[in-house]
Amino acid sequence: MPRDHHVRRALALQRDPSLPPSLELTEGLCAIARPDGAMKERIERRADPPSCRGGCAVRRFFERAAAEGADVELDVGAGYGRFARAHAAAHPGLRVLAIEQESARVARSDVISRRAGQGNLAYLVAEARYALEFCIPPESVAAAFLLFPDPWPKDRHARNRLFRAPVVTLLHRLLRRGGVLHAATDDEAYFAQMLEVMRGDARFEPAPPYERGEDERTDFEIKFLGQGRTVRAASWRKR
């Protein structure tokens, strides 16, 4: 269960019939979006890869965006959705897909989006790595944001960090030519790792860091800045 004191309230509020239809992508999703331990094990063994059943809501999201001539951008590990909501509001011509594994966070952000009438922002409740590998069509993404991913500061846990070479390879496959990967963190060691990973990847070239306005700061970023921490950001363009 998510570490959220308001889980039940958030999930109940999301089902409020007086709100517009939900923007959370759940209908028709294959089991990979919410994998259990056995599913993860099969995936990691590359055994019996899952397939969408009855059509995939994520696939339909990308098909609609392509039909409308709209670029799609990803917020990977969207947290409480503050950046995704502000980014979608500032760029109404975009389609923003926010990926977050904690359903209570998605529920809260989804309700805010629906109240604001945001039709260009959708949420996928899923673990980021599996969503990137199995749910997103190749070369369909204009930009991907990895903002303040969990730093896993202990050495023995560093392998759990999201920003590592295998995930960068997944993102390279999903980004279209000229697509941009944006990252930000308050953790100096993690930022050094990000730079090292990208320095050795000839598939990308450095790009100007994305400048986020006050509205686009994440909840975690606001907390870190209030503690006097330094935020570090970098961007890379797919060659």
Protein backbone atom coordinates (compact mmCIF):
# COMPACT_ATOMS: atom_id res chain seq x y z
CA MET A 1 0.00 0.00 0.00
CA PRO A 2 1.19 3.53 -0.66
CA ARG A 3 2.71 5.38 2.29
CA ASP A 4 -0.11 7.93 2.28
CA HIS A 5 -2.29 8.78 5.27
CA HIS A 6 -5.20 9.71 3.02
CA VAL A 7 -5.29 6.66 0.75
CA ARG A 8 -8.91 5.69 1.31
CA ARG A 9 -10.16 9.26 1.10
CA ALA A 10 -8.23 9.93 -2.12
CA LEU A 11 -9.44 6.75 -3.81
CA ALA A 12 -13.05 7.37 -2.72
CA LEU A 13 -12.94 10.95 -3.97
CA GLN A 14 -11.73 9.75 -7.37
CA ARG A 15 -14.97 7.76 -7.71
CA ASP A 16 -17.14 10.83 -7.08
CA PRO A 17 -19.89 10.59 -9.77
CA SER A 18 -20.23 14.38 -9.91
CA LEU A 19 -16.74 14.74 -11.42
CA PRO A 20 -15.99 14.52 -15.16
CA PRO A 21 -14.77 11.13 -16.45
CA SER A 22 -11.47 9.97 -15.00
CA LEU A 23 -8.27 10.49 -16.94
CA GLU A 24 -6.61 7.50 -15.30
CA LEU A 25 -5.72 4.81 -17.82
CA THR A 26 -7.09 1.55 -16.44
CA GLU A 27 -9.71 0.23 -18.86
CA GLY A 28 -8.36 -2.66 -20.89
CA LEU A 29 -4.87 -2.52 -19.43
CA CYS A 30 -2.92 -5.76 -19.36
CA ALA A 31 -1.64 -7.08 -16.05
CA ILE A 32 1.83 -5.63 -16.63
CA ALA A 33 0.63 -2.19 -15.51
CA ARG A 34 0.12 -3.48 -11.97
CA PRO A 35 2.52 -6.44 -11.82
CA ASP A 36 2.66 -8.80 -8.88
CA GLY A 37 5.78 -10.65 -7.75
CA ALA A 38 5.21 -13.61 -10.06
CA MET A 39 4.65 -11.31 -13.04
CA LYS A 40 7.87 -9.44 -12.32
CA GLU A 41 9.79 -12.70 -12.11
CA ARG A 42 8.46 -13.88 -15.47
CA ILE A 43 9.25 -10.55 -17.07
CA GLU A 44 12.80 -10.54 -15.74
CA ARG A 45 13.28 -14.05 -17.13
CA ARG A 46 11.79 -12.85 -20.42
CA ALA A 47 9.34 -15.77 -20.18
CA ASP A 48 5.77 -15.56 -21.48
CA PRO A 49 5.77 -11.80 -22.21
CA PRO A 50 2.33 -10.36 -21.40
CA SER A 51 0.03 -8.95 -24.02
CA CYS A 52 -2.81 -6.48 -23.82
CA ARG A 53 -6.25 -7.99 -23.55
CA GLY A 54 -9.24 -6.44 -25.26
CA GLY A 55 -7.23 -3.49 -26.55
CA CYS A 56 -4.89 -1.28 -24.54
CA ALA A 57 -5.91 2.08 -23.10
CA VAL A 58 -2.33 3.35 -23.33
CA ARG A 59 -2.10 2.35 -26.98
CA ARG A 60 -5.39 4.16 -27.66
CA PHE A 61 -4.04 7.24 -25.88
CA PHE A 62 -1.08 7.36 -28.27
CA GLU A 63 -3.25 6.62 -31.30
CA ARG A 64 -5.56 9.54 -30.45
CA ALA A 65 -2.59 11.86 -29.95
CA ALA A 66 -1.15 10.86 -33.35
CA ALA A 67 -4.52 11.35 -35.04
CA GLU A 68 -4.74 14.84 -33.54
CA GLY A 69 -1.16 15.69 -34.49
CA ALA A 70 -0.23 16.23 -30.83
CA ASP A 71 3.17 15.51 -29.30
CA VAL A 72 3.26 13.21 -26.26
CA GLU A 73 5.54 13.87 -23.29
CA LEU A 74 6.11 11.56 -20.32
CA ASP A 75 6.42 12.41 -16.64
CA VAL A 76 8.11 9.27 -15.31
CA GLY A 77 7.56 8.85 -11.58
CA ALA A 78 5.06 11.70 -11.38
CA GLY A 79 4.60 11.63 -7.61
CA TYR A 80 1.72 13.88 -6.58
CA GLY A 81 1.45 15.24 -10.14
CA ARG A 82 2.20 18.90 -9.51
CA PHE A 83 4.65 19.15 -12.42
CA ALA A 84 2.48 17.13 -14.80
CA ARG A 85 -0.60 19.26 -14.12
CA ALA A 86 1.27 22.55 -14.54
CA HIS A 87 3.12 21.35 -17.63
CA ALA A 88 -0.10 20.17 -19.28
CA ALA A 89 -1.83 23.44 -18.42
CA ALA A 90 1.03 25.51 -19.86
CA HIS A 91 1.10 23.46 -23.09
CA PRO A 92 -2.50 22.66 -24.06
CA GLY A 93 -1.37 21.35 -27.46
CA LEU A 94 0.63 18.57 -25.80
CA ARG A 95 -0.58 15.24 -24.49
CA VAL A 96 1.08 14.45 -21.16
CA LEU A 97 1.21 10.93 -19.75
CA ALA A 98 2.11 10.80 -16.05
CA ILE A 99 3.40 7.42 -14.82
CA GLU A 100 3.22 6.75 -11.07
CA GLN A 101 3.00 3.47 -9.18
CA GLU A 102 1.26 4.71 -6.01
CA SER A 103 -2.46 4.73 -6.74
CA ALA A 104 -3.37 7.21 -3.99
CA ARG A 105 -1.06 9.84 -5.48
CA VAL A 106 -2.60 9.26 -8.90
CA ALA A 107 -6.12 9.48 -7.46
CA ARG A 108 -5.45 12.83 -5.82
CA SER A 109 -3.84 14.34 -8.90
CA ASP A 110 -6.50 12.86 -11.20
CA VAL A 111 -9.26 14.53 -9.17
CA ILE A 112 -7.48 17.90 -9.35
CA SER A 113 -7.04 17.50 -13.12
CA ARG A 114 -10.68 16.58 -13.63
CA ARG A 115 -11.90 19.54 -11.59
CA ALA A 116 -9.70 21.79 -13.74
CA GLY A 117 -11.05 20.26 -16.96
CA GLN A 118 -7.59 19.14 -18.16
CA GLY A 119 -8.21 16.96 -21.18
CA ASN A 120 -4.57 16.63 -22.23
CA LEU A 121 -3.22 14.87 -19.14
CA ALA A 122 -3.64 11.16 -18.42
CA TYR A 123 -2.30 8.94 -15.66
CA LEU A 124 -0.93 5.43 -15.77
CA VAL A 125 -0.67 3.53 -12.47
CA ALA A 126 2.37 1.36 -13.11
CA GLU A 127 5.98 0.74 -12.18
CA ALA A 128 8.03 2.97 -14.44
CA ARG A 129 10.43 0.39 -15.83
CA TYR A 130 7.69 -2.03 -16.85
CA ALA A 131 5.52 0.72 -18.30
CA LEU A 132 8.43 1.98 -20.41
CA GLU A 133 9.33 -1.49 -21.63
CA PHE A 134 5.89 -2.90 -22.36
CA CYS A 135 3.29 -0.12 -22.60
CA ILE A 136 4.75 2.78 -24.62
CA PRO A 137 5.06 2.53 -28.42
CA PRO A 138 8.55 3.00 -29.92
CA GLU A 139 9.53 6.47 -31.18
CA SER A 140 6.27 7.97 -29.94
CA VAL A 141 7.54 10.39 -27.29
CA ALA A 142 8.75 13.96 -27.80
CA ALA A 143 10.19 14.40 -24.30
CA ALA A 144 10.55 12.45 -21.07
CA PHE A 145 10.98 13.94 -17.60
CA LEU A 146 12.64 12.09 -14.70
CA LEU A 147 12.31 14.61 -11.90
CA PHE A 148 13.64 13.77 -8.45
CA PRO A 149 13.61 9.98 -8.74
CA ASP A 150 14.27 8.12 -5.51
CA PRO A 151 18.06 8.47 -4.90
CA TRP A 152 18.44 5.17 -3.01
CA PRO A 153 21.43 6.70 -1.18
CA LYS A 154 22.87 3.52 0.36
CA ASP A 155 25.48 1.81 -1.80
CA ARG A 156 23.79 -1.58 -1.53
CA HIS A 157 20.56 -0.07 -2.86
CA ALA A 158 22.06 1.94 -5.74
CA ARG A 159 21.07 -0.75 -8.23
CA ASN A 160 17.43 0.22 -7.60
CA ARG A 161 17.92 3.72 -9.00
CA LEU A 162 15.72 4.49 -11.97
CA PHE A 163 18.25 6.57 -13.89
CA ARG A 164 20.60 3.82 -15.03
CA ALA A 165 21.81 2.62 -18.44
CA PRO A 166 19.03 0.01 -18.97
CA VAL A 167 16.29 2.59 -18.42
CA VAL A 168 18.08 5.11 -20.62
CA THR A 169 18.06 2.44 -23.35
CA LEU A 170 14.30 2.03 -22.91
CA LEU A 171 13.82 5.79 -23.15
CA HIS A 172 16.02 5.98 -26.25
CA ARG A 173 13.72 3.45 -27.93
CA LEU A 174 10.60 5.44 -26.99
CA LEU A 175 11.89 8.90 -27.88
CA ARG A 176 11.53 10.02 -31.47
CA ARG A 177 14.56 11.43 -33.28
CA GLY A 178 15.39 14.77 -31.64
CA GLY A 179 13.36 13.85 -28.55
CA VAL A 180 14.73 15.11 -25.23
CA LEU A 181 15.36 13.45 -21.88
CA HIS A 182 15.17 15.83 -18.90
CA ALA A 183 16.35 14.97 -15.38
CA ALA A 184 16.62 16.75 -12.05
CA THR A 185 17.70 15.74 -8.55
CA ASP A 186 18.84 17.25 -5.26
CA ASP A 187 21.23 14.35 -4.64
CA GLU A 188 24.78 15.24 -5.71
CA ALA A 189 25.98 11.64 -6.00
CA TYR A 190 22.96 10.63 -8.03
CA PHE A 191 23.43 13.59 -10.36
CA ALA A 192 27.07 12.57 -10.87
CA GLN A 193 25.85 9.10 -11.79
CA MET A 194 23.37 10.56 -14.28
CA LEU A 195 26.11 12.56 -15.96
CA GLU A 196 28.40 9.53 -16.08
CA VAL A 197 25.71 7.34 -17.65
CA MET A 198 24.96 9.91 -20.34
CA ARG A 199 28.59 10.84 -20.96
CA GLY A 200 29.20 7.34 -22.25
CA ASP A 201 26.08 7.16 -24.41
CA ALA A 202 26.77 8.27 -27.98
CA ARG A 203 23.06 8.00 -28.82
CA PHE A 204 22.44 11.29 -27.00
CA GLU A 205 23.95 14.75 -27.05
CA PRO A 206 23.74 17.43 -24.32
CA ALA A 207 20.84 19.86 -24.58
CA PRO A 208 19.98 23.02 -22.62
CA PRO A 209 18.42 22.03 -19.27
CA TYR A 210 14.66 22.49 -19.14
CA GLU A 211 13.80 25.59 -17.12
CA ARG A 212 10.76 24.92 -14.98
CA GLY A 213 8.72 27.81 -13.67
CA GLU A 214 7.46 28.04 -10.11
CA ASP A 215 4.23 26.25 -11.03
CA GLU A 216 6.18 23.34 -12.49
CA ARG A 217 8.17 22.61 -9.35
CA THR A 218 7.37 19.19 -7.90
CA ASP A 219 6.18 18.75 -4.32
CA PHE A 220 9.47 17.08 -3.45
CA GLU A 221 11.44 19.90 -5.07
CA ILE A 222 9.59 22.53 -3.03
CA LYS A 223 10.38 20.55 0.12
CA PHE A 224 14.07 20.22 -0.81
CA LEU A 225 14.45 23.89 -1.67
CA GLY A 226 12.86 24.78 1.65
CA GLN A 227 15.59 22.74 3.31
CA GLY A 228 18.26 24.72 1.48
CA ARG A 229 19.28 21.91 -0.86
CA THR A 230 20.68 22.55 -4.34
CA VAL A 231 18.67 21.33 -7.31
CA ARG A 232 20.70 20.03 -10.24
CA ALA A 233 19.22 19.56 -13.70
CA ALA A 234 20.42 18.37 -17.10
CA SER A 235 18.93 17.44 -20.47
CA TRP A 236 20.03 15.30 -23.41
CA ARG A 237 18.74 15.09 -26.97
CA LYS A 238 18.40 11.87 -28.96
CA ARG A 239 20.68 12.12 -31.98
